[in-house]
N, C-alpha and C. Protein backbone atom coordinates (compact mmCIF):
# COMPACT_ATOMS: atom_id res chain seq x y z
N MET A 1 0.85 -1.18 0.00
CA MET A 1 0.00 0.00 0.00
C MET A 1 0.89 1.24 0.00
N PRO A 2 0.66 2.17 -0.91
CA PRO A 2 1.45 3.40 -0.92
C PRO A 2 1.27 4.18 0.38
N GLY A 3 2.09 5.17 0.59
CA GLY A 3 2.03 5.98 1.79
C GLY A 3 0.75 6.79 1.89
N SER A 4 0.71 7.64 2.90
CA SER A 4 -0.46 8.49 3.13
C SER A 4 -0.66 9.45 1.96
N TRP A 5 -1.82 10.09 1.94
CA TRP A 5 -2.09 11.09 0.89
C TRP A 5 -1.04 12.20 0.93
N ALA A 6 -0.64 12.61 2.14
CA ALA A 6 0.37 13.67 2.25
C ALA A 6 1.71 13.21 1.71
N HIS A 7 2.09 11.97 2.02
CA HIS A 7 3.34 11.41 1.50
C HIS A 7 3.30 11.37 -0.03
N LEU A 8 2.19 10.92 -0.58
CA LEU A 8 2.06 10.84 -2.04
C LEU A 8 2.16 12.23 -2.68
N ALA A 9 1.56 13.23 -2.05
CA ALA A 9 1.62 14.60 -2.58
C ALA A 9 3.05 15.13 -2.56
N ARG A 10 3.76 14.89 -1.44
CA ARG A 10 5.16 15.34 -1.36
C ARG A 10 6.03 14.61 -2.38
N ARG A 11 5.80 13.31 -2.54
CA ARG A 11 6.57 12.53 -3.51
C ARG A 11 6.31 13.04 -4.93
N PHE A 12 5.07 13.37 -5.23
CA PHE A 12 4.71 13.89 -6.54
C PHE A 12 5.45 15.21 -6.81
N ALA A 13 5.39 16.14 -5.86
CA ALA A 13 6.06 17.43 -6.03
C ALA A 13 7.58 17.24 -6.16
N TRP A 14 8.15 16.36 -5.36
CA TRP A 14 9.58 16.11 -5.39
C TRP A 14 10.01 15.57 -6.75
N SER A 15 9.18 14.74 -7.37
CA SER A 15 9.57 14.09 -8.62
C SER A 15 9.83 15.09 -9.75
N PHE A 16 9.28 16.29 -9.65
CA PHE A 16 9.53 17.31 -10.68
C PHE A 16 10.86 18.03 -10.48
N ARG A 17 11.46 17.88 -9.30
CA ARG A 17 12.71 18.58 -9.00
C ARG A 17 13.94 17.68 -9.10
N VAL A 18 13.75 16.43 -9.43
CA VAL A 18 14.84 15.46 -9.43
C VAL A 18 15.82 15.72 -10.57
N GLU A 19 17.09 15.65 -10.23
CA GLU A 19 18.14 15.77 -11.24
C GLU A 19 18.78 14.41 -11.46
N PRO A 20 19.26 14.15 -12.68
CA PRO A 20 19.95 12.87 -12.94
C PRO A 20 21.18 12.75 -12.05
N LEU A 21 21.60 11.51 -11.82
CA LEU A 21 22.80 11.28 -11.02
C LEU A 21 24.03 11.83 -11.74
N SER A 22 24.94 12.36 -10.96
CA SER A 22 26.19 12.91 -11.50
C SER A 22 27.19 11.77 -11.74
N PRO A 23 28.26 12.05 -12.49
CA PRO A 23 29.31 11.03 -12.67
C PRO A 23 29.89 10.56 -11.33
N ALA A 24 30.04 11.45 -10.37
CA ALA A 24 30.55 11.05 -9.05
C ALA A 24 29.56 10.12 -8.35
N GLU A 25 28.28 10.39 -8.50
CA GLU A 25 27.26 9.53 -7.89
C GLU A 25 27.22 8.16 -8.58
N LEU A 26 27.45 8.13 -9.87
CA LEU A 26 27.50 6.86 -10.59
C LEU A 26 28.70 6.02 -10.11
N ARG A 27 29.82 6.68 -9.83
CA ARG A 27 30.97 5.98 -9.28
C ARG A 27 30.65 5.44 -7.88
N GLU A 28 29.93 6.24 -7.12
CA GLU A 28 29.50 5.81 -5.78
C GLU A 28 28.67 4.53 -5.87
N LEU A 29 27.75 4.49 -6.83
CA LEU A 29 26.93 3.29 -7.03
C LEU A 29 27.78 2.08 -7.39
N SER A 30 28.76 2.30 -8.26
CA SER A 30 29.59 1.18 -8.72
C SER A 30 30.43 0.59 -7.59
N GLU A 31 30.60 1.33 -6.52
CA GLU A 31 31.31 0.82 -5.35
C GLU A 31 30.39 0.00 -4.45
N LEU A 32 29.09 0.13 -4.64
CA LEU A 32 28.12 -0.56 -3.79
C LEU A 32 27.56 -1.84 -4.41
N ILE A 33 27.40 -1.84 -5.72
CA ILE A 33 26.76 -2.98 -6.39
C ILE A 33 27.58 -3.41 -7.59
N ASP A 34 27.40 -4.68 -7.96
CA ASP A 34 28.15 -5.21 -9.09
C ASP A 34 27.61 -4.67 -10.42
N GLU A 35 28.32 -4.98 -11.48
CA GLU A 35 28.00 -4.42 -12.81
C GLU A 35 26.60 -4.81 -13.30
N ARG A 36 26.20 -6.06 -13.08
CA ARG A 36 24.86 -6.51 -13.52
C ARG A 36 23.76 -5.77 -12.77
N THR A 37 23.94 -5.62 -11.47
CA THR A 37 22.94 -4.92 -10.67
C THR A 37 22.92 -3.43 -11.03
N LEU A 38 24.09 -2.86 -11.26
CA LEU A 38 24.17 -1.46 -11.66
C LEU A 38 23.44 -1.24 -12.99
N LYS A 39 23.62 -2.16 -13.92
CA LYS A 39 22.93 -2.02 -15.21
C LYS A 39 21.41 -2.00 -15.02
N ALA A 40 20.89 -2.89 -14.20
CA ALA A 40 19.45 -2.91 -13.91
C ALA A 40 19.04 -1.64 -13.18
N TYR A 41 19.86 -1.21 -12.22
CA TYR A 41 19.56 -0.01 -11.44
C TYR A 41 19.44 1.22 -12.35
N LEU A 42 20.32 1.33 -13.31
CA LEU A 42 20.34 2.50 -14.20
C LEU A 42 19.21 2.47 -15.23
N GLN A 43 18.47 1.39 -15.31
CA GLN A 43 17.29 1.33 -16.18
C GLN A 43 16.07 1.96 -15.50
N GLN A 44 16.21 2.33 -14.23
CA GLN A 44 15.15 3.03 -13.53
C GLN A 44 15.11 4.49 -13.99
N ASN A 45 14.00 5.16 -13.74
CA ASN A 45 13.94 6.59 -14.07
C ASN A 45 14.79 7.38 -13.07
N ASP A 46 15.03 8.64 -13.38
CA ASP A 46 15.89 9.48 -12.54
C ASP A 46 15.40 9.55 -11.10
N ALA A 47 14.09 9.67 -10.90
CA ALA A 47 13.54 9.78 -9.55
C ALA A 47 13.82 8.52 -8.74
N ASP A 48 13.64 7.36 -9.35
CA ASP A 48 13.89 6.11 -8.61
C ASP A 48 15.38 5.92 -8.34
N GLN A 49 16.23 6.31 -9.29
CA GLN A 49 17.67 6.24 -9.05
C GLN A 49 18.05 7.15 -7.89
N ARG A 50 17.57 8.37 -7.92
CA ARG A 50 17.88 9.35 -6.88
C ARG A 50 17.35 8.87 -5.53
N HIS A 51 16.11 8.38 -5.50
CA HIS A 51 15.52 7.90 -4.26
C HIS A 51 16.35 6.76 -3.67
N GLY A 52 16.71 5.79 -4.49
CA GLY A 52 17.51 4.67 -3.99
C GLY A 52 18.84 5.13 -3.43
N LEU A 53 19.51 6.03 -4.14
CA LEU A 53 20.80 6.52 -3.67
C LEU A 53 20.65 7.30 -2.37
N GLU A 54 19.64 8.15 -2.28
CA GLU A 54 19.43 8.91 -1.05
C GLU A 54 19.09 7.99 0.13
N ALA A 55 18.29 6.96 -0.13
CA ALA A 55 17.97 5.99 0.92
C ALA A 55 19.24 5.26 1.38
N ALA A 56 20.08 4.86 0.42
CA ALA A 56 21.32 4.18 0.76
C ALA A 56 22.24 5.09 1.58
N ARG A 57 22.33 6.35 1.21
CA ARG A 57 23.15 7.30 1.95
C ARG A 57 22.63 7.49 3.37
N TYR A 58 21.32 7.55 3.50
CA TYR A 58 20.70 7.69 4.83
C TYR A 58 21.15 6.54 5.73
N VAL A 59 21.10 5.33 5.20
CA VAL A 59 21.49 4.15 5.98
C VAL A 59 22.98 4.18 6.27
N ARG A 60 23.79 4.48 5.27
CA ARG A 60 25.25 4.50 5.45
C ARG A 60 25.65 5.54 6.49
N GLU A 61 25.01 6.71 6.49
CA GLU A 61 25.33 7.77 7.45
C GLU A 61 24.99 7.36 8.88
N ARG A 62 24.16 6.37 9.04
CA ARG A 62 23.78 5.88 10.37
C ARG A 62 24.50 4.57 10.68
N ASP A 63 25.63 4.39 10.03
CA ASP A 63 26.50 3.24 10.25
C ASP A 63 25.84 1.91 9.89
N GLY A 64 24.96 1.95 8.92
CA GLY A 64 24.36 0.70 8.45
C GLY A 64 25.41 -0.11 7.71
N HIS A 65 25.38 -1.41 7.90
CA HIS A 65 26.34 -2.29 7.23
C HIS A 65 26.03 -2.35 5.73
N THR A 66 26.98 -2.85 4.96
CA THR A 66 26.89 -2.83 3.50
C THR A 66 25.62 -3.49 2.99
N GLU A 67 25.24 -4.63 3.53
CA GLU A 67 24.04 -5.32 3.06
C GLU A 67 22.79 -4.45 3.28
N LEU A 68 22.77 -3.71 4.38
CA LEU A 68 21.66 -2.81 4.67
C LEU A 68 21.63 -1.64 3.68
N VAL A 69 22.80 -1.12 3.35
CA VAL A 69 22.90 -0.02 2.38
C VAL A 69 22.40 -0.48 1.01
N VAL A 70 22.79 -1.67 0.60
CA VAL A 70 22.36 -2.20 -0.70
C VAL A 70 20.85 -2.45 -0.70
N ALA A 71 20.30 -2.93 0.41
CA ALA A 71 18.85 -3.13 0.50
C ALA A 71 18.12 -1.81 0.31
N ALA A 72 18.61 -0.75 0.93
CA ALA A 72 17.98 0.57 0.78
C ALA A 72 18.11 1.05 -0.66
N LEU A 73 19.26 0.84 -1.25
CA LEU A 73 19.52 1.28 -2.62
C LEU A 73 18.58 0.62 -3.63
N CYS A 74 18.35 -0.66 -3.49
CA CYS A 74 17.69 -1.45 -4.54
C CYS A 74 16.23 -1.80 -4.27
N HIS A 75 15.64 -1.29 -3.21
CA HIS A 75 14.31 -1.78 -2.82
C HIS A 75 13.20 -1.51 -3.84
N ASP A 76 13.33 -0.51 -4.68
CA ASP A 76 12.28 -0.17 -5.66
C ASP A 76 12.61 -0.61 -7.08
N LEU A 77 13.59 -1.47 -7.25
CA LEU A 77 14.04 -1.86 -8.58
C LEU A 77 12.90 -2.38 -9.47
N GLY A 78 11.89 -3.00 -8.87
CA GLY A 78 10.79 -3.56 -9.64
C GLY A 78 9.88 -2.54 -10.30
N LYS A 79 9.94 -1.27 -9.88
CA LYS A 79 9.07 -0.24 -10.47
C LYS A 79 9.34 -0.03 -11.95
N ARG A 80 10.57 -0.25 -12.36
CA ARG A 80 10.92 0.05 -13.76
C ARG A 80 10.18 -0.84 -14.75
N HIS A 81 9.70 -1.99 -14.31
CA HIS A 81 9.01 -2.91 -15.21
C HIS A 81 7.65 -2.38 -15.67
N ALA A 82 7.09 -1.45 -14.92
CA ALA A 82 5.79 -0.88 -15.29
C ALA A 82 5.92 0.18 -16.39
N ARG A 83 7.09 0.78 -16.52
CA ARG A 83 7.33 1.81 -17.53
C ARG A 83 6.28 2.92 -17.46
N LEU A 84 6.03 3.42 -16.25
CA LEU A 84 5.06 4.49 -16.06
C LEU A 84 5.75 5.80 -15.76
N GLY A 85 5.21 6.87 -16.27
CA GLY A 85 5.66 8.20 -15.91
C GLY A 85 4.96 8.66 -14.65
N ILE A 86 5.12 9.92 -14.34
CA ILE A 86 4.56 10.48 -13.11
C ILE A 86 3.04 10.32 -13.08
N THR A 87 2.37 10.64 -14.17
CA THR A 87 0.90 10.56 -14.19
C THR A 87 0.42 9.14 -13.94
N GLY A 88 1.01 8.17 -14.60
CA GLY A 88 0.62 6.78 -14.40
C GLY A 88 0.86 6.32 -12.97
N ARG A 89 1.96 6.76 -12.38
CA ARG A 89 2.26 6.38 -11.00
C ARG A 89 1.25 7.00 -10.04
N VAL A 90 0.85 8.23 -10.32
CA VAL A 90 -0.17 8.87 -9.48
C VAL A 90 -1.48 8.09 -9.57
N ILE A 91 -1.87 7.74 -10.78
CA ILE A 91 -3.12 6.99 -10.96
C ILE A 91 -3.04 5.66 -10.23
N ALA A 92 -1.94 4.93 -10.38
CA ALA A 92 -1.78 3.65 -9.71
C ALA A 92 -1.84 3.81 -8.19
N SER A 93 -1.17 4.84 -7.67
CA SER A 93 -1.16 5.06 -6.23
C SER A 93 -2.55 5.43 -5.70
N VAL A 94 -3.27 6.24 -6.45
CA VAL A 94 -4.63 6.61 -6.04
C VAL A 94 -5.53 5.38 -6.05
N LEU A 95 -5.43 4.56 -7.09
CA LEU A 95 -6.23 3.34 -7.14
C LEU A 95 -5.92 2.43 -5.95
N ALA A 96 -4.64 2.32 -5.61
CA ALA A 96 -4.26 1.49 -4.47
C ALA A 96 -4.81 2.06 -3.17
N ARG A 97 -4.68 3.37 -2.98
CA ARG A 97 -5.20 4.00 -1.75
C ARG A 97 -6.70 3.80 -1.63
N LEU A 98 -7.40 3.81 -2.78
CA LEU A 98 -8.86 3.63 -2.78
C LEU A 98 -9.25 2.15 -2.82
N ARG A 99 -8.24 1.28 -2.88
CA ARG A 99 -8.46 -0.17 -2.94
C ARG A 99 -9.29 -0.58 -4.15
N LEU A 100 -8.97 0.06 -5.29
CA LEU A 100 -9.63 -0.26 -6.55
C LEU A 100 -8.68 -1.06 -7.43
N PRO A 101 -9.21 -1.83 -8.37
CA PRO A 101 -8.32 -2.61 -9.26
C PRO A 101 -7.44 -1.70 -10.11
N ALA A 102 -6.24 -2.17 -10.36
CA ALA A 102 -5.28 -1.43 -11.18
C ALA A 102 -4.89 -2.32 -12.35
N PRO A 103 -5.47 -2.06 -13.53
CA PRO A 103 -5.21 -2.92 -14.68
C PRO A 103 -3.85 -2.65 -15.33
N GLY A 104 -3.36 -3.64 -16.07
CA GLY A 104 -2.18 -3.49 -16.92
C GLY A 104 -0.95 -3.01 -16.18
N ARG A 105 -0.30 -2.01 -16.78
CA ARG A 105 0.96 -1.50 -16.22
C ARG A 105 0.76 -0.85 -14.86
N LEU A 106 -0.45 -0.37 -14.58
CA LEU A 106 -0.73 0.19 -13.25
C LEU A 106 -0.58 -0.91 -12.19
N GLY A 107 -1.10 -2.08 -12.51
CA GLY A 107 -0.97 -3.22 -11.60
C GLY A 107 0.48 -3.69 -11.48
N VAL A 108 1.20 -3.63 -12.58
CA VAL A 108 2.62 -3.99 -12.55
C VAL A 108 3.36 -3.05 -11.59
N TYR A 109 3.05 -1.78 -11.68
CA TYR A 109 3.68 -0.80 -10.79
C TYR A 109 3.39 -1.13 -9.32
N LEU A 110 2.15 -1.45 -9.04
CA LEU A 110 1.79 -1.77 -7.66
C LEU A 110 2.39 -3.09 -7.18
N ASP A 111 2.75 -3.94 -8.12
CA ASP A 111 3.36 -5.22 -7.78
C ASP A 111 4.89 -5.13 -7.75
N HIS A 112 5.41 -3.89 -7.72
CA HIS A 112 6.87 -3.74 -7.79
C HIS A 112 7.63 -4.40 -6.65
N PRO A 113 7.06 -4.54 -5.44
CA PRO A 113 7.85 -5.23 -4.42
C PRO A 113 8.18 -6.68 -4.80
N ALA A 114 7.19 -7.44 -5.25
CA ALA A 114 7.44 -8.83 -5.63
C ALA A 114 8.34 -8.92 -6.86
N LEU A 115 8.10 -8.05 -7.83
CA LEU A 115 8.93 -8.05 -9.05
C LEU A 115 10.38 -7.71 -8.73
N GLY A 116 10.57 -6.70 -7.90
CA GLY A 116 11.93 -6.31 -7.53
C GLY A 116 12.64 -7.39 -6.73
N ALA A 117 11.93 -8.02 -5.81
CA ALA A 117 12.54 -9.08 -5.01
C ALA A 117 12.98 -10.24 -5.90
N ALA A 118 12.13 -10.63 -6.84
CA ALA A 118 12.49 -11.72 -7.76
C ALA A 118 13.71 -11.34 -8.60
N GLU A 119 13.75 -10.11 -9.05
CA GLU A 119 14.88 -9.67 -9.86
C GLU A 119 16.17 -9.62 -9.04
N LEU A 120 16.08 -9.12 -7.83
CA LEU A 120 17.27 -9.07 -6.98
C LEU A 120 17.79 -10.47 -6.68
N GLN A 121 16.87 -11.40 -6.49
CA GLN A 121 17.27 -12.79 -6.27
C GLN A 121 18.05 -13.32 -7.48
N LYS A 122 17.54 -13.04 -8.68
CA LYS A 122 18.23 -13.47 -9.91
C LYS A 122 19.60 -12.82 -10.05
N LEU A 123 19.73 -11.60 -9.54
CA LEU A 123 21.00 -10.89 -9.62
C LEU A 123 21.97 -11.33 -8.53
N GLY A 124 21.52 -12.22 -7.66
CA GLY A 124 22.40 -12.73 -6.61
C GLY A 124 22.37 -11.95 -5.32
N LEU A 125 21.39 -11.07 -5.17
CA LEU A 125 21.28 -10.27 -3.94
C LEU A 125 20.17 -10.82 -3.05
N GLY A 126 20.31 -12.03 -2.62
CA GLY A 126 19.31 -12.63 -1.73
C GLY A 126 19.33 -11.99 -0.37
N GLY A 127 18.75 -12.64 0.58
CA GLY A 127 18.79 -12.17 1.97
C GLY A 127 18.08 -10.87 2.18
N LEU A 128 18.76 -9.96 2.85
CA LEU A 128 18.17 -8.70 3.28
C LEU A 128 17.63 -7.87 2.12
N ALA A 129 18.39 -7.73 1.05
CA ALA A 129 17.94 -6.91 -0.09
C ALA A 129 16.65 -7.46 -0.67
N THR A 130 16.59 -8.76 -0.86
CA THR A 130 15.40 -9.40 -1.43
C THR A 130 14.22 -9.30 -0.47
N ASP A 131 14.47 -9.58 0.80
CA ASP A 131 13.37 -9.54 1.78
C ASP A 131 12.82 -8.13 1.94
N TYR A 132 13.70 -7.13 1.97
CA TYR A 132 13.19 -5.76 2.12
C TYR A 132 12.43 -5.32 0.87
N ALA A 133 12.95 -5.63 -0.29
CA ALA A 133 12.24 -5.27 -1.53
C ALA A 133 10.85 -5.89 -1.53
N ALA A 134 10.75 -7.14 -1.12
CA ALA A 134 9.47 -7.85 -1.15
C ALA A 134 8.46 -7.30 -0.15
N HIS A 135 8.93 -6.79 0.98
CA HIS A 135 8.03 -6.44 2.08
C HIS A 135 7.99 -4.96 2.45
N HIS A 136 8.69 -4.10 1.71
CA HIS A 136 8.84 -2.73 2.19
C HIS A 136 7.54 -1.92 2.25
N HIS A 137 6.48 -2.38 1.63
CA HIS A 137 5.19 -1.70 1.77
C HIS A 137 4.26 -2.43 2.73
N GLY A 138 4.77 -3.42 3.42
CA GLY A 138 3.95 -4.22 4.31
C GLY A 138 4.55 -4.31 5.70
N ALA A 139 4.28 -5.41 6.34
CA ALA A 139 4.78 -5.66 7.68
C ALA A 139 6.19 -6.26 7.62
N ARG A 140 6.95 -6.01 8.67
CA ARG A 140 8.31 -6.53 8.77
C ARG A 140 8.29 -8.05 8.83
N PRO A 141 9.03 -8.70 7.93
CA PRO A 141 9.14 -10.15 8.02
C PRO A 141 10.11 -10.52 9.16
N GLU A 142 9.97 -11.70 9.70
CA GLU A 142 10.84 -12.14 10.79
C GLU A 142 12.30 -12.19 10.39
N SER A 143 12.56 -12.29 9.09
CA SER A 143 13.94 -12.39 8.60
C SER A 143 14.72 -11.07 8.72
N ILE A 144 14.02 -9.97 8.98
CA ILE A 144 14.70 -8.67 9.08
C ILE A 144 14.64 -8.19 10.53
N ASP A 145 15.81 -7.89 11.06
CA ASP A 145 15.94 -7.38 12.42
C ASP A 145 15.10 -6.11 12.58
N PRO A 146 14.39 -5.94 13.72
CA PRO A 146 13.56 -4.75 13.91
C PRO A 146 14.32 -3.42 13.76
N HIS A 147 15.55 -3.36 14.26
CA HIS A 147 16.35 -2.14 14.12
C HIS A 147 16.66 -1.86 12.65
N ASP A 148 17.05 -2.91 11.91
CA ASP A 148 17.33 -2.75 10.48
C ASP A 148 16.08 -2.33 9.73
N TRP A 149 14.95 -2.93 10.05
CA TRP A 149 13.67 -2.58 9.40
C TRP A 149 13.35 -1.11 9.62
N ARG A 150 13.49 -0.66 10.86
CA ARG A 150 13.19 0.73 11.19
C ARG A 150 14.09 1.67 10.39
N MET A 151 15.38 1.35 10.32
CA MET A 151 16.31 2.20 9.58
C MET A 151 15.95 2.23 8.09
N LEU A 152 15.65 1.07 7.52
CA LEU A 152 15.27 1.01 6.10
C LEU A 152 13.98 1.76 5.84
N SER A 153 13.01 1.63 6.73
CA SER A 153 11.73 2.33 6.57
C SER A 153 11.91 3.83 6.66
N GLU A 154 12.74 4.26 7.58
CA GLU A 154 13.04 5.69 7.69
C GLU A 154 13.73 6.18 6.42
N ALA A 155 14.67 5.41 5.94
CA ALA A 155 15.39 5.79 4.72
C ALA A 155 14.44 5.89 3.53
N ASP A 156 13.48 5.00 3.46
CA ASP A 156 12.52 4.99 2.35
C ASP A 156 11.63 6.22 2.37
N SER A 157 11.36 6.77 3.54
CA SER A 157 10.41 7.88 3.61
C SER A 157 11.04 9.24 3.84
N THR A 158 12.21 9.32 4.45
CA THR A 158 12.74 10.63 4.84
C THR A 158 13.52 11.34 3.75
N PHE A 159 13.82 10.69 2.65
CA PHE A 159 14.64 11.34 1.62
C PHE A 159 13.96 12.57 1.04
N THR A 160 12.65 12.66 1.13
CA THR A 160 11.94 13.83 0.61
C THR A 160 11.51 14.76 1.75
N GLY A 161 11.97 14.47 2.95
CA GLY A 161 11.57 15.26 4.09
C GLY A 161 10.34 14.71 4.78
N ASP A 162 9.89 13.54 4.38
CA ASP A 162 8.74 12.90 5.01
C ASP A 162 9.10 12.38 6.39
N ASP A 163 8.11 12.18 7.19
CA ASP A 163 8.30 11.48 8.46
C ASP A 163 8.15 9.99 8.19
N ALA A 164 8.90 9.17 8.92
CA ALA A 164 8.83 7.72 8.73
C ALA A 164 7.43 7.22 8.97
N ALA A 165 6.67 7.86 9.84
CA ALA A 165 5.31 7.40 10.13
C ALA A 165 4.39 7.56 8.93
N ASP A 166 4.77 8.40 7.99
CA ASP A 166 3.96 8.63 6.79
C ASP A 166 4.04 7.50 5.79
N ASN A 167 5.08 6.71 5.86
CA ASN A 167 5.29 5.70 4.82
C ASN A 167 4.37 4.52 4.92
């Protein structure tokens, strides 16, 4: 389930201000993930790339271990399969908040946690990265430590100035 209406509104406004990653930021990514994962990561739109990097930085700045940083970085990788722009994402999120069916690519977008987890598994990033990608819009699975879950959840929501409770 997407975040609150306020979170969705802030995310929408933020998406218009996103800048592409710089060459230095691309080098930063290459130090965190292997070439195959980086290739998949860079197929995301600028907003998803920026969000993942900001989430990873949030975790790293709080002394999160490498696996935790990678989980924050890659948790939304499945969104790229929907190939939706801002308008389509808004429609999908509104349908989800209203608990209405989301056909076609809208449904693919809403299914991004499962799609991303499956892709991360294929890329060899099992464990924490896969589990967080699969569950980041739901309840914490037993496989993720409560402290790690809290840090990842905060990272997922605070990059735009949101409160973690909004996510």
